[in-house]
Amino acid sequence: MKTNNDYILRKRMHGQYLSRKNDDITELSRELLGLHCWFHRNVVFSALIRGADITGWKTALTKTWLYRGTLHGVAFDDLRLLLALNSGESWMERCLGSERVEKISNEVLSLMEDGIYSRAEMRRLFAHSYDPQTIATVLSPWGGIFVHLAMMGKVAFRDMTSRDFDLISAEPIQTREDVLPELLRRYFKTYGPATLSDAAYFFGIWKEEKKKLKEMNFDEYEQFKHEGNTYYHYKDNEEPAEIPELTLLSGFDPFIVSYTERGAVLPKEYKKAVILSSGICLPTIAVNGRVVGLWNIKKGEPVTEFFESQPARITNAASDMADEIRWQTAGRI
């Protein structure tokens, strides 16, 4: 008998192109509201798993920090919209004060306009004006001032694999309140059925602002109750495909990390093996929509590992799928 869990997984896999294909990496990123790229290879894995062509992938998307402070590869024409979600003081402003951050930001932008992009060179120039601790904070290898500037739409990574930045012009022209209805609509269309808590988590909406979500008009969405929660989604005329028997998922795959409640996909007993204490989410193998193992490409070879015994057809097929990705990515990531 079909259950609500089956329906939820089937709709989510359909919306996220895990039971159908999308051959355009830019359009795929647009529909998924960005491809998570804490490790850039996961963008390629995610795209290939969903049927996308990865030709020119390094420059097809813009790599930058978005909601929740995470790195994503996004369609450039979506960037202003997505960056409008950022509000309030940045971490850098809380650390150094808004006036000081504005001064340093202008200095960094001026240097970049003059063709100086090297952090080492900026560190040398700043040594005359700032103490070592400030310089370490501003030019941290984890991003520093560039996170602040990226979230303002002024800089982005040069390409999907680069650690250097280029100047861009993608400053938001709307407020969070302006863009939230459209982004929620897109979230529930792709990620639904999902709860308001899921949407708030996805977009990095916390505390009082989260409460405001409940005051919005949700009449345009289909709604149903499941295990005490209200789920929202868009009902369309396209019947979603059945849940695939076998699916490879990328590291930080949106099918796992886009929700507050992940138990239907990631059994609790496997959570620590998939999401490490550092927060890294590894590439996984799902059988009938539920994670049962890990896969990866290590030293140029496909590796699969299952948490419990599986039929030979599953283990062989998973190995073949990982090997196909190895072949498609050789020399490209």
Protein backbone atom coordinates (compact mmCIF):
# COMPACT_ATOMS: atom_id res chain seq x y z
CA MET A 1 0.00 0.00 0.00
CA LYS A 2 1.27 3.48 -0.89
CA THR A 3 2.01 5.69 2.11
CA ASN A 4 2.58 9.39 2.65
CA ASN A 5 6.30 8.64 2.98
CA ASP A 6 6.28 7.01 -0.46
CA TYR A 7 4.44 9.98 -1.93
CA ILE A 8 6.80 12.51 -0.32
CA LEU A 9 9.91 10.72 -1.59
CA ARG A 10 8.44 10.20 -5.05
CA LYS A 11 7.52 13.88 -5.42
CA ARG A 12 10.88 15.06 -4.08
CA MET A 13 12.87 12.78 -6.37
CA HIS A 14 10.82 13.98 -9.33
CA GLY A 15 11.25 17.64 -8.42
CA GLN A 16 15.00 17.24 -7.91
CA TYR A 17 15.58 15.30 -11.13
CA LEU A 18 16.46 12.01 -9.48
CA SER A 19 13.72 10.08 -11.30
CA ARG A 20 13.94 12.09 -14.55
CA LYS A 21 16.65 14.04 -16.37
CA ASN A 22 17.68 17.65 -16.92
CA ASP A 23 20.50 17.95 -19.45
CA ASP A 24 21.28 21.66 -18.88
CA ILE A 25 23.52 22.30 -15.86
CA THR A 26 22.56 25.99 -15.66
CA GLU A 27 18.83 25.25 -15.75
CA LEU A 28 19.34 22.43 -13.25
CA SER A 29 21.10 24.80 -10.86
CA ARG A 30 18.36 27.37 -11.35
CA GLU A 31 15.61 24.88 -10.48
CA LEU A 32 17.51 23.51 -7.48
CA LEU A 33 18.25 27.07 -6.30
CA GLY A 34 21.97 26.37 -6.57
CA LEU A 35 24.24 23.33 -6.50
CA HIS A 36 26.11 22.86 -3.23
CA CYS A 37 29.87 23.13 -3.83
CA TRP A 38 31.78 23.04 -0.58
CA PHE A 39 33.77 20.57 -2.70
CA HIS A 40 33.51 21.50 -6.37
CA ARG A 41 33.48 17.86 -7.52
CA ASN A 42 30.07 17.49 -5.89
CA VAL A 43 28.63 19.94 -8.43
CA VAL A 44 29.81 17.63 -11.20
CA PHE A 45 28.54 14.52 -9.41
CA SER A 46 25.16 16.13 -8.80
CA ALA A 47 24.85 17.28 -12.41
CA LEU A 48 25.81 13.91 -13.93
CA ILE A 49 23.50 11.98 -11.62
CA ARG A 50 20.64 14.18 -12.85
CA GLY A 51 21.53 13.78 -16.53
CA ALA A 52 23.18 17.16 -17.15
CA ASP A 53 25.94 17.81 -19.67
CA ILE A 54 29.04 19.06 -17.82
CA THR A 55 30.75 20.61 -20.85
CA GLY A 56 32.08 24.00 -19.75
CA TRP A 57 30.86 23.43 -16.18
CA LYS A 58 33.70 25.43 -14.61
CA THR A 59 32.32 28.69 -15.99
CA ALA A 60 28.67 27.78 -16.62
CA LEU A 61 27.82 28.60 -12.99
CA THR A 62 28.93 31.29 -10.54
CA LYS A 63 30.50 29.99 -7.35
CA THR A 64 29.72 32.08 -4.28
CA TRP A 65 28.29 32.08 -0.75
CA LEU A 66 24.54 32.01 -0.39
CA TYR A 67 21.96 31.31 2.32
CA ARG A 68 23.21 29.62 5.51
CA GLY A 69 26.70 30.80 4.53
CA THR A 70 27.21 27.82 2.21
CA LEU A 71 29.01 27.76 -1.12
CA HIS A 72 26.87 27.11 -4.19
CA GLY A 73 27.22 27.13 -7.95
CA VAL A 74 24.35 29.28 -9.24
CA ALA A 75 23.00 30.68 -12.47
CA PHE A 76 24.36 34.24 -12.60
CA ASP A 77 20.99 35.72 -13.52
CA ASP A 78 19.57 34.27 -10.27
CA LEU A 79 22.29 35.77 -8.09
CA ARG A 80 20.68 39.13 -7.23
CA LEU A 81 17.48 37.36 -6.25
CA LEU A 82 19.20 34.80 -4.03
CA LEU A 83 21.54 37.32 -2.41
CA ALA A 84 18.57 39.46 -1.41
CA LEU A 85 17.92 36.89 1.32
CA ASN A 86 20.96 38.15 3.21
CA SER A 87 20.05 40.66 5.89
CA GLY A 88 21.38 42.03 9.12
CA GLU A 89 24.98 42.23 10.22
CA SER A 90 27.50 39.91 8.61
CA TRP A 91 29.92 37.88 10.73
CA MET A 92 32.69 40.23 9.63
CA GLU A 93 30.73 43.28 10.80
CA ARG A 94 30.03 41.69 14.17
CA CYS A 95 33.72 40.89 14.51
CA LEU A 96 35.26 44.18 13.39
CA GLY A 97 32.39 46.69 13.38
CA SER A 98 30.45 47.90 10.36
CA GLU A 99 32.41 51.11 9.78
CA ARG A 100 35.75 49.32 9.83
CA VAL A 101 34.47 46.57 7.54
CA GLU A 102 33.16 49.16 5.06
CA LYS A 103 36.57 50.87 5.03
CA ILE A 104 38.44 47.59 4.48
CA SER A 105 35.91 46.48 1.86
CA ASN A 106 36.47 49.64 -0.14
CA GLU A 107 40.24 49.16 0.09
CA VAL A 108 39.99 45.57 -1.15
CA LEU A 109 37.69 46.54 -4.02
CA SER A 110 40.04 49.38 -4.98
CA LEU A 111 43.00 46.99 -5.07
CA MET A 112 41.04 44.55 -7.22
CA GLU A 113 40.09 47.35 -9.61
CA ASP A 114 43.82 48.06 -9.91
CA GLY A 115 44.46 44.43 -10.83
CA ILE A 116 45.65 43.15 -7.44
CA TYR A 117 43.87 39.88 -6.62
CA SER A 118 46.54 38.09 -4.60
CA ARG A 119 45.81 37.75 -0.89
CA ALA A 120 49.55 37.57 -0.27
CA GLU A 121 50.01 40.95 -1.96
CA MET A 122 47.04 42.44 -0.08
CA ARG A 123 48.48 41.09 3.17
CA ARG A 124 51.78 42.85 2.41
CA LEU A 125 50.05 46.14 1.61
CA PHE A 126 47.75 45.97 4.64
CA ALA A 127 50.70 45.38 6.98
CA HIS A 128 51.28 49.14 6.97
CA SER A 129 47.76 49.91 8.19
CA TYR A 130 46.42 47.01 10.25
CA ASP A 131 47.55 44.75 13.06
CA PRO A 132 48.35 41.07 12.34
CA GLN A 133 45.14 39.79 13.94
CA THR A 134 42.95 42.05 11.81
CA ILE A 135 44.83 41.03 8.67
CA ALA A 136 44.46 37.34 9.58
CA THR A 137 40.72 37.81 10.02
CA VAL A 138 40.20 39.90 6.91
CA LEU A 139 42.29 37.69 4.61
CA SER A 140 41.44 34.34 6.19
CA PRO A 141 41.84 31.36 3.84
CA TRP A 142 38.23 30.49 4.75
CA GLY A 143 37.04 33.63 2.97
CA GLY A 144 37.29 36.53 5.38
CA ILE A 145 36.30 39.84 3.82
CA PHE A 146 35.52 38.07 0.53
CA VAL A 147 32.54 36.30 2.13
CA HIS A 148 31.18 39.71 3.14
CA LEU A 149 31.76 41.12 -0.36
CA ALA A 150 30.34 38.02 -2.05
CA MET A 151 27.13 38.26 -0.05
CA MET A 152 26.85 41.88 -1.15
CA GLY A 153 27.13 40.75 -4.78
CA LYS A 154 30.43 42.53 -5.39
CA VAL A 155 32.79 39.56 -5.85
CA ALA A 156 32.58 35.87 -6.72
CA PHE A 157 35.05 33.07 -7.31
CA ARG A 158 36.77 33.29 -10.68
CA ASP A 159 35.37 29.90 -11.69
CA MET A 160 34.06 26.75 -10.04
CA THR A 161 37.52 25.37 -9.20
CA SER A 162 39.39 28.61 -8.47
CA ARG A 163 40.30 29.95 -5.03
CA ASP A 164 40.70 33.46 -6.43
CA PHE A 165 38.01 36.11 -6.83
CA ASP A 166 36.83 38.46 -9.55
CA LEU A 167 34.78 41.64 -9.33
CA ILE A 168 31.14 41.22 -10.33
CA SER A 169 28.06 43.42 -10.32
CA ALA A 170 25.19 41.51 -8.73
CA GLU A 171 24.19 43.75 -5.82
CA PRO A 172 20.64 42.93 -4.65
CA ILE A 173 18.04 45.53 -5.56
CA GLN A 174 15.24 43.98 -3.51
CA THR A 175 14.74 43.13 0.14
CA ARG A 176 14.26 39.72 1.72
CA GLU A 177 10.54 40.50 2.10
CA ASP A 178 10.35 41.31 -1.63
CA VAL A 179 11.91 38.05 -2.85
CA LEU A 180 10.71 35.56 -0.27
CA PRO A 181 7.30 34.78 -1.86
CA GLU A 182 8.92 33.91 -5.21
CA LEU A 183 11.72 31.88 -3.63
CA LEU A 184 9.29 29.97 -1.42
CA ARG A 185 7.22 29.20 -4.51
CA ARG A 186 10.28 27.85 -6.26
CA TYR A 187 11.39 25.89 -3.19
CA PHE A 188 8.06 24.11 -2.72
CA LYS A 189 7.81 23.39 -6.45
CA THR A 190 11.21 21.68 -6.50
CA TYR A 191 11.62 20.39 -2.94
CA GLY A 192 8.02 19.81 -1.91
CA PRO A 193 6.31 18.25 -0.20
CA ALA A 194 8.13 20.06 2.60
CA THR A 195 7.29 21.90 5.81
CA LEU A 196 7.71 25.57 6.67
CA SER A 197 10.54 24.53 8.99
CA ASP A 198 12.26 22.88 6.02
CA ALA A 199 11.92 26.06 3.95
CA ALA A 200 13.16 28.25 6.81
CA TYR A 201 16.19 26.01 7.28
CA PHE A 202 16.95 25.92 3.55
CA PHE A 203 16.97 29.72 3.24
CA GLY A 204 18.63 30.43 6.59
CA ILE A 205 15.59 32.11 8.14
CA TRP A 206 15.75 32.03 11.92
CA LYS A 207 13.91 33.10 15.08
CA GLU A 208 11.35 35.90 14.67
CA GLU A 209 11.59 35.89 10.88
CA LYS A 210 10.71 32.19 10.87
CA LYS A 211 7.49 33.01 12.71
CA LYS A 212 6.58 35.49 9.97
CA LEU A 213 6.47 32.66 7.44
CA LYS A 214 3.31 31.36 9.09
CA GLU A 215 1.62 34.68 8.38
CA MET A 216 2.15 34.41 4.63
CA ASN A 217 -0.58 33.32 2.22
CA PHE A 218 -0.21 29.64 1.30
CA ASP A 219 -3.55 29.22 -0.50
CA GLU A 220 -1.79 28.51 -3.80
CA TYR A 221 -0.13 25.38 -2.40
CA GLU A 222 -1.47 21.88 -1.94
CA GLN A 223 -1.30 20.95 1.75
CA PHE A 224 -1.59 17.76 3.78
CA LYS A 225 -0.82 16.54 7.27
CA HIS A 226 1.75 13.85 7.97
CA GLU A 227 3.05 12.76 11.37
CA GLY A 228 1.81 15.97 12.97
CA ASN A 229 3.36 18.32 10.39
CA THR A 230 1.83 20.29 7.52
CA TYR A 231 3.47 19.66 4.14
CA TYR A 232 3.24 22.07 1.20
CA HIS A 233 3.81 21.43 -2.48
CA TYR A 234 2.63 22.40 -5.95
CA LYS A 235 0.25 20.01 -7.61
CA ASP A 236 0.80 19.74 -11.34
CA ASN A 237 -0.54 17.52 -14.09
CA GLU A 238 2.73 15.63 -14.49
CA GLU A 239 2.65 12.29 -12.70
CA PRO A 240 5.98 11.71 -10.93
CA ALA A 241 7.85 8.53 -11.79
CA GLU A 242 8.20 5.71 -9.33
CA ILE A 243 11.08 5.85 -6.84
CA PRO A 244 14.17 4.39 -8.59
CA GLU A 245 15.44 1.17 -7.09
CA LEU A 246 19.01 2.49 -7.13
CA THR A 247 20.24 6.10 -6.99
CA LEU A 248 23.65 7.63 -6.46
CA LEU A 249 23.59 10.92 -4.55
CA SER A 250 26.32 13.56 -4.52
CA GLY A 251 28.05 14.82 -1.42
CA PHE A 252 25.77 17.43 0.23
CA ASP A 253 23.04 16.22 -2.09
CA PRO A 254 19.91 18.42 -1.82
CA PHE A 255 17.80 15.28 -1.45
CA ILE A 256 19.43 14.87 1.98
CA VAL A 257 20.50 18.30 3.20
CA SER A 258 17.50 20.46 2.20
CA TYR A 259 15.24 19.37 5.08
CA THR A 260 15.22 19.48 8.86
CA GLU A 261 13.79 15.96 9.14
CA ARG A 262 15.92 13.52 7.14
CA GLY A 263 14.92 10.20 8.67
CA ALA A 264 12.82 9.09 5.70
CA VAL A 265 15.93 9.26 3.48
CA LEU A 266 18.83 8.88 5.91
CA PRO A 267 18.20 6.23 8.60
CA LYS A 268 19.41 7.39 12.01
CA GLU A 269 21.75 4.44 12.37
CA TYR A 270 23.71 5.59 9.31
CA LYS A 271 23.72 9.33 9.96
CA LYS A 272 27.18 9.49 11.56
CA ALA A 273 28.69 7.52 8.68
CA VAL A 274 27.20 9.94 6.12
CA ILE A 275 27.39 13.32 7.89
CA LEU A 276 30.74 13.61 9.65
CA SER A 277 31.37 15.55 12.85
CA SER A 278 32.97 18.27 10.68
CA GLY A 279 29.63 18.74 8.91
CA ILE A 280 30.79 17.16 5.65
CA CYS A 281 28.08 15.11 3.93
CA LEU A 282 29.54 12.28 1.86
CA PRO A 283 28.28 10.91 -1.49
CA THR A 284 25.76 8.15 -0.84
CA ILE A 285 23.94 5.22 -2.41
CA ALA A 286 20.15 5.05 -2.03
CA VAL A 287 17.98 1.99 -2.57
CA ASN A 288 14.28 2.75 -3.01
CA GLY A 289 14.99 6.32 -1.88
CA ARG A 290 16.78 5.39 1.37
CA VAL A 291 20.51 5.70 1.98
CA VAL A 292 22.20 2.30 2.37
CA GLY A 293 25.86 3.04 1.60
CA LEU A 294 28.61 5.33 0.35
CA TRP A 295 30.36 5.81 -2.96
CA ASN A 296 33.14 8.05 -4.26
CA ILE A 297 35.97 8.39 -6.74
CA LYS A 298 39.26 7.93 -4.89
CA LYS A 299 42.64 8.10 -6.62
CA GLY A 300 40.86 7.79 -9.94
CA GLU A 301 38.96 4.64 -8.98
CA PRO A 302 35.29 4.11 -8.09
CA VAL A 303 34.64 2.94 -4.52
CA THR A 304 31.36 1.65 -3.08
CA GLU A 305 30.56 0.58 0.48
CA PHE A 306 27.26 -0.72 1.84
CA PHE A 307 26.09 -0.52 5.45
CA GLU A 308 24.16 -3.76 5.14
CA SER A 309 24.09 -6.74 2.79
CA GLN A 310 22.52 -6.03 -0.62
CA PRO A 311 21.59 -8.25 -3.57
CA ALA A 312 24.36 -8.74 -6.12
CA ARG A 313 22.39 -6.81 -8.77
CA ILE A 314 22.42 -3.75 -6.47
CA THR A 315 26.12 -3.91 -5.59
CA ASN A 316 27.10 -4.55 -9.21
CA ALA A 317 24.86 -1.80 -10.56
CA ALA A 318 26.14 0.72 -7.98
CA SER A 319 29.72 -0.11 -8.90
CA ASP A 320 28.92 0.31 -12.61
CA MET A 321 27.22 3.67 -11.99
CA ALA A 322 30.19 4.95 -9.97
CA ASP A 323 32.55 3.74 -12.69
CA GLU A 324 30.52 5.59 -15.32
CA ILE A 325 30.93 8.80 -13.33
CA ARG A 326 34.64 8.09 -12.96
CA TRP A 327 34.89 7.77 -16.72
CA GLN A 328 32.87 10.94 -17.38
CA THR A 329 34.87 13.04 -14.90
CA ALA A 330 38.38 11.77 -15.69
CA GLY A 331 40.61 14.81 -16.16
CA ARG A 332 37.67 17.22 -15.70
CA ILE A 333 37.49 17.75 -11.94
